Amino acid sequence: MSGFLDARPRVGYFYTGKTANQLLGEHIKSLSVGDYKSVPIVIQESTSVYDAICTMFLEDVGSIFILKKEGYLTGVVSRKDLLKAAMGKTELSSIPVGVIMSRMPNLVICRSEDSLFEAAMQMVNHQVDSLPVVRSHQVYPQEWEVVGRITKTSIVKAFVELGQAMKV
């Protein structure tokens, strides 16, 4: 059951040759994004920058996913984007968030069936704090529906659960 031994009919048990680190790595790579995703925080691209700031702080998130009128992912706005917009002397309630957001196809995304390890690698490689969890639309496969979000906190939670489950 621990993975160090394997069994074959008429042969018996034998040592697999895998170390504890290899077995832990395999287990980590088997965790899926769908098991750890959380509810996405989304707004329309016509929403004002002021309302986006309010939403971000009320929901206590670091980024918000932006949707088109039809409900498909079109961009992401982060704390940094909102801070840059707020530094000027412009009226924040008159600027739509669609003007300052990062747009598709420059977004990094993941799917529910992706491994949590792959999502973590994407976050590290692209230096982002969260990823939208998406599925392609059945009629328009180039459009993405947001079904969740995966964050650095979600990944830390998964590792804490792994640590608590390990009884040596």
N, C-alpha and C. Protein backbone atom coordinates (compact mmCIF):
# COMPACT_ATOMS: atom_id res chain seq x y z
N MET A 1 0.81 -1.19 0.00
CA MET A 1 0.00 0.00 0.00
C MET A 1 0.86 1.26 0.00
N SER A 2 2.06 1.19 0.51
CA SER A 2 2.91 2.38 0.57
C SER A 2 3.59 2.65 -0.76
N GLY A 3 3.63 1.66 -1.67
CA GLY A 3 4.23 1.86 -2.97
C GLY A 3 5.65 1.32 -3.10
N PHE A 4 6.22 0.88 -1.99
CA PHE A 4 7.58 0.35 -2.04
C PHE A 4 7.61 -1.07 -2.59
N LEU A 5 6.52 -1.80 -2.38
CA LEU A 5 6.44 -3.18 -2.85
C LEU A 5 5.32 -3.29 -3.88
N ASP A 6 5.50 -4.22 -4.80
CA ASP A 6 4.46 -4.50 -5.78
C ASP A 6 4.24 -6.01 -5.78
N ALA A 7 3.14 -6.43 -6.33
CA ALA A 7 2.84 -7.86 -6.35
C ALA A 7 2.45 -8.29 -7.75
N ARG A 8 2.85 -9.53 -8.09
CA ARG A 8 2.46 -10.14 -9.36
C ARG A 8 1.98 -11.55 -9.06
N PRO A 9 0.95 -11.96 -9.81
CA PRO A 9 0.46 -13.34 -9.60
C PRO A 9 1.56 -14.36 -9.90
N ARG A 10 1.65 -15.35 -9.07
CA ARG A 10 2.60 -16.46 -9.20
C ARG A 10 4.07 -16.07 -9.06
N VAL A 11 4.32 -14.79 -8.79
CA VAL A 11 5.70 -14.34 -8.57
C VAL A 11 5.86 -13.95 -7.11
N GLY A 12 4.89 -13.20 -6.62
CA GLY A 12 4.94 -12.75 -5.22
C GLY A 12 5.22 -11.26 -5.15
N TYR A 13 5.71 -10.84 -4.02
CA TYR A 13 6.03 -9.43 -3.79
C TYR A 13 7.46 -9.14 -4.19
N PHE A 14 7.68 -7.92 -4.68
CA PHE A 14 9.04 -7.51 -5.02
C PHE A 14 9.18 -6.00 -4.80
N TYR A 15 10.41 -5.57 -4.60
CA TYR A 15 10.73 -4.16 -4.35
C TYR A 15 10.63 -3.38 -5.67
N THR A 16 9.89 -2.27 -5.65
CA THR A 16 9.69 -1.48 -6.87
C THR A 16 10.90 -0.64 -7.23
N GLY A 17 11.76 -0.35 -6.27
CA GLY A 17 12.94 0.46 -6.53
C GLY A 17 12.68 1.96 -6.41
N LYS A 18 11.48 2.33 -6.02
CA LYS A 18 11.13 3.75 -5.90
C LYS A 18 11.44 4.26 -4.50
N THR A 19 11.98 5.47 -4.46
CA THR A 19 12.26 6.09 -3.17
C THR A 19 11.00 6.79 -2.66
N ALA A 20 11.03 7.20 -1.41
CA ALA A 20 9.89 7.91 -0.82
C ALA A 20 9.64 9.22 -1.57
N ASN A 21 10.69 9.90 -2.00
CA ASN A 21 10.53 11.15 -2.74
C ASN A 21 9.86 10.91 -4.09
N GLN A 22 10.23 9.84 -4.77
CA GLN A 22 9.61 9.52 -6.06
C GLN A 22 8.13 9.22 -5.88
N LEU A 23 7.81 8.46 -4.83
CA LEU A 23 6.40 8.13 -4.57
C LEU A 23 5.60 9.38 -4.22
N LEU A 24 6.18 10.27 -3.42
CA LEU A 24 5.50 11.51 -3.06
C LEU A 24 5.31 12.38 -4.30
N GLY A 25 6.33 12.44 -5.16
CA GLY A 25 6.22 13.20 -6.40
C GLY A 25 5.11 12.67 -7.30
N GLU A 26 5.00 11.37 -7.40
CA GLU A 26 3.92 10.77 -8.21
C GLU A 26 2.55 11.11 -7.63
N HIS A 27 2.47 11.09 -6.30
CA HIS A 27 1.20 11.41 -5.67
C HIS A 27 0.83 12.88 -5.90
N ILE A 28 1.79 13.77 -5.77
CA ILE A 28 1.54 15.19 -5.99
C ILE A 28 1.09 15.44 -7.42
N LYS A 29 1.72 14.77 -8.37
CA LYS A 29 1.35 14.94 -9.77
C LYS A 29 -0.01 14.34 -10.10
N SER A 30 -0.51 13.49 -9.23
CA SER A 30 -1.83 12.89 -9.48
C SER A 30 -2.98 13.75 -8.95
N LEU A 31 -2.67 14.78 -8.15
CA LEU A 31 -3.71 15.67 -7.64
C LEU A 31 -4.22 16.54 -8.78
N SER A 32 -5.54 16.71 -8.86
CA SER A 32 -6.08 17.49 -9.98
C SER A 32 -6.56 18.86 -9.51
N VAL A 33 -6.52 19.80 -10.42
CA VAL A 33 -6.98 21.16 -10.17
C VAL A 33 -8.44 21.15 -9.74
N GLY A 34 -9.24 20.30 -10.36
CA GLY A 34 -10.66 20.24 -10.06
C GLY A 34 -10.97 19.94 -8.60
N ASP A 35 -10.07 19.25 -7.92
CA ASP A 35 -10.28 18.91 -6.51
C ASP A 35 -9.98 20.08 -5.58
N TYR A 36 -9.25 21.07 -6.05
CA TYR A 36 -8.82 22.17 -5.19
C TYR A 36 -9.26 23.55 -5.68
N LYS A 37 -9.96 23.60 -6.80
CA LYS A 37 -10.39 24.90 -7.32
C LYS A 37 -11.42 25.54 -6.38
N SER A 38 -11.48 26.86 -6.45
CA SER A 38 -12.45 27.59 -5.64
C SER A 38 -13.35 28.41 -6.56
N VAL A 39 -14.30 29.10 -5.97
CA VAL A 39 -15.26 29.89 -6.73
C VAL A 39 -14.54 31.08 -7.38
N PRO A 40 -14.73 31.30 -8.66
CA PRO A 40 -14.07 32.44 -9.31
C PRO A 40 -14.79 33.75 -8.98
N ILE A 41 -14.03 34.82 -8.91
CA ILE A 41 -14.60 36.15 -8.74
C ILE A 41 -14.53 36.80 -10.12
N VAL A 42 -15.69 37.10 -10.68
CA VAL A 42 -15.75 37.62 -12.05
C VAL A 42 -16.59 38.90 -12.09
N ILE A 43 -16.24 39.76 -13.06
CA ILE A 43 -17.02 40.95 -13.35
C ILE A 43 -17.05 41.14 -14.87
N GLN A 44 -17.95 41.97 -15.34
CA GLN A 44 -18.05 42.28 -16.78
C GLN A 44 -16.98 43.30 -17.15
N GLU A 45 -16.55 43.28 -18.41
CA GLU A 45 -15.51 44.22 -18.82
C GLU A 45 -16.00 45.66 -18.87
N SER A 46 -17.31 45.88 -18.81
CA SER A 46 -17.85 47.24 -18.78
C SER A 46 -17.92 47.81 -17.36
N THR A 47 -17.61 46.99 -16.35
CA THR A 47 -17.62 47.43 -14.95
C THR A 47 -16.56 48.51 -14.76
N SER A 48 -16.86 49.51 -13.93
CA SER A 48 -15.89 50.59 -13.71
C SER A 48 -14.72 50.10 -12.87
N VAL A 49 -13.60 50.80 -13.01
CA VAL A 49 -12.40 50.48 -12.23
C VAL A 49 -12.70 50.63 -10.74
N TYR A 50 -13.47 51.64 -10.37
CA TYR A 50 -13.84 51.84 -8.97
C TYR A 50 -14.59 50.62 -8.43
N ASP A 51 -15.56 50.13 -9.18
CA ASP A 51 -16.32 48.95 -8.75
C ASP A 51 -15.43 47.70 -8.69
N ALA A 52 -14.47 47.61 -9.59
CA ALA A 52 -13.53 46.48 -9.56
C ALA A 52 -12.68 46.52 -8.30
N ILE A 53 -12.23 47.71 -7.91
CA ILE A 53 -11.45 47.86 -6.68
C ILE A 53 -12.30 47.44 -5.47
N CYS A 54 -13.53 47.92 -5.45
CA CYS A 54 -14.44 47.55 -4.34
C CYS A 54 -14.66 46.04 -4.30
N THR A 55 -14.89 45.43 -5.44
CA THR A 55 -15.10 43.98 -5.50
C THR A 55 -13.87 43.24 -5.00
N MET A 56 -12.70 43.68 -5.43
CA MET A 56 -11.47 43.01 -5.04
C MET A 56 -11.29 43.02 -3.53
N PHE A 57 -11.55 44.15 -2.90
CA PHE A 57 -11.35 44.22 -1.46
C PHE A 57 -12.48 43.56 -0.68
N LEU A 58 -13.70 43.63 -1.18
CA LEU A 58 -14.81 42.96 -0.50
C LEU A 58 -14.68 41.45 -0.56
N GLU A 59 -14.19 40.93 -1.68
CA GLU A 59 -14.02 39.48 -1.85
C GLU A 59 -12.67 38.99 -1.32
N ASP A 60 -11.77 39.92 -1.00
CA ASP A 60 -10.44 39.60 -0.48
C ASP A 60 -9.66 38.67 -1.41
N VAL A 61 -9.54 39.10 -2.67
CA VAL A 61 -8.79 38.35 -3.68
C VAL A 61 -7.72 39.25 -4.29
N GLY A 62 -6.77 38.64 -4.97
CA GLY A 62 -5.69 39.39 -5.59
C GLY A 62 -5.90 39.66 -7.06
N SER A 63 -6.85 38.96 -7.66
CA SER A 63 -7.15 39.19 -9.07
C SER A 63 -8.60 38.83 -9.35
N ILE A 64 -9.13 39.49 -10.36
CA ILE A 64 -10.52 39.27 -10.76
C ILE A 64 -10.52 38.91 -12.24
N PHE A 65 -11.33 37.93 -12.60
CA PHE A 65 -11.44 37.53 -13.99
C PHE A 65 -12.54 38.34 -14.66
N ILE A 66 -12.25 38.80 -15.86
CA ILE A 66 -13.14 39.69 -16.60
C ILE A 66 -13.83 38.90 -17.70
N LEU A 67 -15.16 39.07 -17.79
CA LEU A 67 -15.96 38.36 -18.77
C LEU A 67 -16.54 39.32 -19.80
N LYS A 68 -16.71 38.80 -21.03
CA LYS A 68 -17.45 39.52 -22.06
C LYS A 68 -18.93 39.50 -21.70
N LYS A 69 -19.72 40.24 -22.46
CA LYS A 69 -21.17 40.24 -22.24
C LYS A 69 -21.74 38.83 -22.31
N GLU A 70 -21.19 38.01 -23.21
CA GLU A 70 -21.69 36.65 -23.42
C GLU A 70 -21.28 35.70 -22.30
N GLY A 71 -20.39 36.13 -21.40
CA GLY A 71 -19.98 35.30 -20.28
C GLY A 71 -18.67 34.56 -20.48
N TYR A 72 -17.92 34.87 -21.52
CA TYR A 72 -16.65 34.19 -21.78
C TYR A 72 -15.49 35.01 -21.26
N LEU A 73 -14.42 34.32 -20.87
CA LEU A 73 -13.23 34.97 -20.34
C LEU A 73 -12.59 35.88 -21.40
N THR A 74 -12.34 37.11 -21.00
CA THR A 74 -11.68 38.04 -21.91
C THR A 74 -10.44 38.67 -21.31
N GLY A 75 -10.31 38.61 -19.97
CA GLY A 75 -9.14 39.22 -19.34
C GLY A 75 -9.07 38.98 -17.85
N VAL A 76 -8.02 39.54 -17.26
CA VAL A 76 -7.78 39.46 -15.81
C VAL A 76 -7.29 40.82 -15.36
N VAL A 77 -7.74 41.25 -14.20
CA VAL A 77 -7.22 42.48 -13.61
C VAL A 77 -6.66 42.13 -12.23
N SER A 78 -5.48 42.64 -11.94
CA SER A 78 -4.81 42.34 -10.68
C SER A 78 -4.74 43.58 -9.81
N ARG A 79 -4.26 43.41 -8.58
CA ARG A 79 -4.07 44.54 -7.68
C ARG A 79 -3.16 45.59 -8.32
N LYS A 80 -2.12 45.09 -8.96
CA LYS A 80 -1.14 45.98 -9.58
C LYS A 80 -1.79 46.82 -10.69
N ASP A 81 -2.62 46.20 -11.52
CA ASP A 81 -3.33 46.92 -12.58
C ASP A 81 -4.20 48.02 -11.99
N LEU A 82 -4.93 47.68 -10.93
CA LEU A 82 -5.83 48.65 -10.31
C LEU A 82 -5.06 49.77 -9.61
N LEU A 83 -3.93 49.43 -9.01
CA LEU A 83 -3.11 50.46 -8.37
C LEU A 83 -2.56 51.44 -9.39
N LYS A 84 -2.10 50.93 -10.53
CA LYS A 84 -1.60 51.82 -11.60
C LYS A 84 -2.71 52.76 -12.08
N ALA A 85 -3.91 52.23 -12.22
CA ALA A 85 -5.03 53.06 -12.69
C ALA A 85 -5.40 54.11 -11.65
N ALA A 86 -5.29 53.77 -10.37
CA ALA A 86 -5.67 54.69 -9.31
C ALA A 86 -4.64 55.78 -9.06
N MET A 87 -3.42 55.62 -9.55
CA MET A 87 -2.36 56.59 -9.28
C MET A 87 -2.54 57.90 -10.06
N GLY A 88 -3.24 57.85 -11.15
CA GLY A 88 -3.47 59.06 -11.94
C GLY A 88 -4.57 59.90 -11.32
N LYS A 89 -4.87 61.00 -11.96
CA LYS A 89 -5.93 61.88 -11.46
C LYS A 89 -7.21 61.70 -12.25
N THR A 90 -7.44 60.47 -12.73
CA THR A 90 -8.64 60.20 -13.51
C THR A 90 -9.78 59.78 -12.60
N GLU A 91 -10.99 59.94 -13.09
CA GLU A 91 -12.18 59.53 -12.35
C GLU A 91 -12.36 58.03 -12.54
N LEU A 92 -12.12 57.23 -11.49
CA LEU A 92 -12.13 55.77 -11.59
C LEU A 92 -13.51 55.20 -11.91
N SER A 93 -14.55 55.92 -11.58
CA SER A 93 -15.89 55.39 -11.87
C SER A 93 -16.28 55.59 -13.32
N SER A 94 -15.47 56.33 -14.08
CA SER A 94 -15.80 56.56 -15.49
C SER A 94 -14.98 55.69 -16.44
N ILE A 95 -13.99 54.97 -15.91
CA ILE A 95 -13.13 54.12 -16.76
C ILE A 95 -13.58 52.68 -16.65
N PRO A 96 -13.91 52.01 -17.76
CA PRO A 96 -14.25 50.58 -17.67
C PRO A 96 -12.99 49.75 -17.42
N VAL A 97 -13.16 48.68 -16.67
CA VAL A 97 -12.04 47.82 -16.31
C VAL A 97 -11.43 47.17 -17.56
N GLY A 98 -12.21 47.08 -18.63
CA GLY A 98 -11.70 46.52 -19.88
C GLY A 98 -10.54 47.30 -20.47
N VAL A 99 -10.37 48.54 -20.07
CA VAL A 99 -9.28 49.37 -20.58
C VAL A 99 -7.95 49.01 -19.93
N ILE A 100 -7.97 48.59 -18.67
CA ILE A 100 -6.71 48.37 -17.95
C ILE A 100 -6.35 46.90 -17.74
N MET A 101 -7.23 46.00 -18.10
CA MET A 101 -7.00 44.56 -17.82
C MET A 101 -5.97 43.95 -18.77
N SER A 102 -5.44 42.81 -18.36
CA SER A 102 -4.62 41.98 -19.25
C SER A 102 -5.58 41.15 -20.08
N ARG A 103 -5.37 41.11 -21.38
CA ARG A 103 -6.34 40.48 -22.29
C ARG A 103 -5.89 39.12 -22.78
N MET A 104 -6.89 38.35 -23.25
CA MET A 104 -6.62 37.12 -23.98
C MET A 104 -5.91 37.53 -25.26
N PRO A 105 -5.00 36.82 -25.81
CA PRO A 105 -4.51 35.49 -25.46
C PRO A 105 -3.30 35.52 -24.53
N ASN A 106 -3.04 36.64 -23.88
CA ASN A 106 -1.88 36.76 -23.00
C ASN A 106 -2.12 36.20 -21.61
N LEU A 107 -3.22 35.50 -21.40
CA LEU A 107 -3.54 34.96 -20.09
C LEU A 107 -3.09 33.51 -19.98
N VAL A 108 -2.72 33.12 -18.78
CA VAL A 108 -2.37 31.75 -18.49
C VAL A 108 -3.60 31.11 -17.86
N ILE A 109 -4.01 29.97 -18.39
CA ILE A 109 -5.23 29.30 -17.92
C ILE A 109 -4.92 27.85 -17.58
N CYS A 110 -5.85 27.21 -16.89
CA CYS A 110 -5.75 25.77 -16.65
C CYS A 110 -7.15 25.17 -16.71
N ARG A 111 -7.21 23.85 -16.75
CA ARG A 111 -8.48 23.14 -16.81
C ARG A 111 -8.62 22.28 -15.56
N SER A 112 -9.82 21.87 -15.25
CA SER A 112 -10.08 21.06 -14.05
C SER A 112 -9.31 19.75 -14.06
N GLU A 113 -9.12 19.17 -15.23
CA GLU A 113 -8.43 17.88 -15.30
C GLU A 113 -6.91 18.00 -15.26
N ASP A 114 -6.36 19.21 -15.33
CA ASP A 114 -4.91 19.41 -15.23
C ASP A 114 -4.44 19.04 -13.82
N SER A 115 -3.16 18.69 -13.72
CA SER A 115 -2.64 18.36 -12.39
C SER A 115 -2.33 19.65 -11.63
N LEU A 116 -2.44 19.57 -10.33
CA LEU A 116 -2.14 20.71 -9.46
C LEU A 116 -0.68 21.11 -9.62
N PHE A 117 0.18 20.13 -9.85
CA PHE A 117 1.60 20.40 -10.06
C PHE A 117 1.82 21.25 -11.30
N GLU A 118 1.12 20.91 -12.40
CA GLU A 118 1.25 21.70 -13.64
C GLU A 118 0.76 23.13 -13.43
N ALA A 119 -0.33 23.30 -12.69
CA ALA A 119 -0.85 24.64 -12.40
C ALA A 119 0.16 25.43 -11.58
N ALA A 120 0.77 24.78 -10.60
CA ALA A 120 1.78 25.45 -9.78
C ALA A 120 2.98 25.87 -10.63
N MET A 121 3.39 25.00 -11.54
CA MET A 121 4.51 25.33 -12.44
C MET A 121 4.15 26.53 -13.32
N GLN A 122 2.92 26.58 -13.81
CA GLN A 122 2.47 27.72 -14.62
C GLN A 122 2.55 29.01 -13.81
N MET A 123 2.10 28.96 -12.56
CA MET A 123 2.13 30.15 -11.71
C MET A 123 3.55 30.62 -11.47
N VAL A 124 4.45 29.69 -11.21
CA VAL A 124 5.85 30.04 -10.97
C VAL A 124 6.48 30.60 -12.24
N ASN A 125 6.29 29.92 -13.36
CA ASN A 125 6.91 30.35 -14.61
C ASN A 125 6.42 31.70 -15.10
N HIS A 126 5.15 32.00 -14.87
CA HIS A 126 4.57 33.25 -15.36
C HIS A 126 4.42 34.31 -14.27
N GLN A 127 4.87 33.99 -13.06
CA GLN A 127 4.86 34.90 -11.92
C GLN A 127 3.48 35.52 -11.69
N VAL A 128 2.47 34.65 -11.56
CA VAL A 128 1.11 35.09 -11.26
C VAL A 128 0.64 34.43 -9.97
N ASP A 129 -0.36 35.01 -9.33
CA ASP A 129 -0.86 34.50 -8.06
C ASP A 129 -2.04 33.56 -8.21
N SER A 130 -2.72 33.60 -9.35
CA SER A 130 -3.87 32.73 -9.55
C SER A 130 -4.08 32.46 -11.03
N LEU A 131 -4.81 31.38 -11.29
CA LEU A 131 -5.14 31.00 -12.66
C LEU A 131 -6.64 30.77 -12.76
N PRO A 132 -7.25 31.20 -13.86
CA PRO A 132 -8.65 30.83 -14.06
C PRO A 132 -8.73 29.36 -14.48
N VAL A 133 -9.68 28.64 -13.91
CA VAL A 133 -9.94 27.27 -14.32
C VAL A 133 -11.07 27.36 -15.34
N VAL A 134 -10.81 26.89 -16.55
CA VAL A 134 -11.74 27.10 -17.66
C VAL A 134 -12.12 25.78 -18.33
N ARG A 135 -13.19 25.86 -19.10
CA ARG A 135 -13.55 24.79 -20.03
C ARG A 135 -13.95 25.46 -21.33
N SER A 136 -13.68 24.81 -22.43
CA SER A 136 -14.02 25.41 -23.72
C SER A 136 -15.52 25.28 -23.96
N HIS A 137 -16.05 26.26 -24.65
CA HIS A 137 -17.47 26.27 -24.96
C HIS A 137 -17.74 25.21 -26.02
N GLN A 138 -18.89 24.54 -25.93
CA GLN A 138 -19.20 23.46 -26.86
C GLN A 138 -19.40 23.96 -28.28
N VAL A 139 -20.03 25.11 -28.45
CA VAL A 139 -20.31 25.64 -29.78
C VAL A 139 -19.12 26.44 -30.31
N TYR A 140 -18.50 27.25 -29.44
CA TYR A 140 -17.36 28.09 -29.82
C TYR A 140 -16.12 27.64 -29.07
N PRO A 141 -15.37 26.67 -29.62
CA PRO A 141 -14.24 26.10 -28.87
C PRO A 141 -13.10 27.09 -28.57
N GLN A 142 -13.07 28.23 -29.27
CA GLN A 142 -12.03 29.22 -28.99
C GLN A 142 -12.40 30.12 -27.82
N GLU A 143 -13.61 29.99 -27.30
CA GLU A 143 -14.08 30.77 -26.15
C GLU A 143 -13.97 29.93 -24.88
N TRP A 144 -13.66 30.57 -23.76
CA TRP A 144 -13.47 29.88 -22.49
C TRP A 144 -14.50 30.31 -21.47
N GLU A 145 -15.12 29.33 -20.82
CA GLU A 145 -16.03 29.59 -19.71
C GLU A 145 -15.24 29.41 -18.42
N VAL A 146 -15.35 30.35 -17.50
CA VAL A 146 -14.64 30.25 -16.23
C VAL A 146 -15.47 29.40 -15.27
N VAL A 147 -14.87 28.31 -14.78
CA VAL A 147 -15.56 27.41 -13.87
C VAL A 147 -14.95 27.42 -12.47
N GLY A 148 -13.84 28.12 -12.28
CA GLY A 148 -13.19 28.18 -10.97
C GLY A 148 -11.91 28.97 -11.04
N ARG A 149 -11.20 28.95 -9.94
CA ARG A 149 -9.88 29.58 -9.89
C ARG A 149 -8.99 28.75 -9.00
N ILE A 150 -7.71 28.75 -9.32
CA ILE A 150 -6.73 28.07 -8.49
C ILE A 150 -5.71 29.13 -8.08
N THR A 151 -5.39 29.18 -6.81
CA THR A 151 -4.50 30.21 -6.29
C THR A 151 -3.32 29.58 -5.58
N LYS A 152 -2.35 30.42 -5.26
CA LYS A 152 -1.21 29.92 -4.47
C LYS A 152 -1.69 29.39 -3.13
N THR A 153 -2.70 30.02 -2.56
CA THR A 153 -3.26 29.56 -1.29
C THR A 153 -3.87 28.17 -1.44
N SER A 154 -4.53 27.90 -2.56
CA SER A 154 -5.10 26.57 -2.81
C SER A 154 -4.00 25.51 -2.86
N ILE A 155 -2.90 25.86 -3.46
CA ILE A 155 -1.79 24.91 -3.58
C ILE A 155 -1.14 24.68 -2.22
N VAL A 156 -0.99 25.74 -1.43
CA VAL A 156 -0.45 25.57 -0.08
C VAL A 156 -1.38 24.69 0.75
N LYS A 157 -2.69 24.88 0.59
CA LYS A 157 -3.67 24.06 1.30
C LYS A 157 -3.50 22.59 0.94
N ALA A 158 -3.27 22.31 -0.33
CA ALA A 158 -3.06 20.92 -0.77
C ALA A 158 -1.81 20.32 -0.13
N PHE A 159 -0.74 21.09 -0.04
CA PHE A 159 0.49 20.58 0.57
C PHE A 159 0.32 20.38 2.07
N VAL A 160 -0.44 21.26 2.73
CA VAL A 160 -0.72 21.09 4.15
C VAL A 160 -1.51 19.80 4.37
N GLU A 161 -2.51 19.55 3.52
CA GLU A 161 -3.29 18.32 3.62
C GLU A 161 -2.40 17.09 3.41
N LEU A 162 -1.46 17.19 2.47
CA LEU A 162 -0.53 16.07 2.24
C LEU A 162 0.32 15.84 3.47
N GLY A 163 0.79 16.92 4.07
CA GLY A 163 1.63 16.79 5.27
C GLY A 163 0.87 16.22 6.44
N GLN A 164 -0.40 16.58 6.59
CA GLN A 164 -1.20 16.05 7.69
C GLN A 164 -1.54 14.58 7.47
N ALA A 165 -1.68 14.19 6.21
CA ALA A 165 -2.05 12.80 5.91
C ALA A 165 -0.88 11.85 6.09
N MET A 166 0.33 12.38 6.03
CA MET A 166 1.51 11.51 6.13
C MET A 166 1.79 11.20 7.60
N LYS A 167 1.66 9.95 7.95
CA LYS A 167 1.99 9.46 9.30
C LYS A 167 3.15 8.51 9.16
N VAL A 168 4.30 8.93 9.61
CA VAL A 168 5.50 8.09 9.48
C VAL A 168 5.80 7.40 10.77
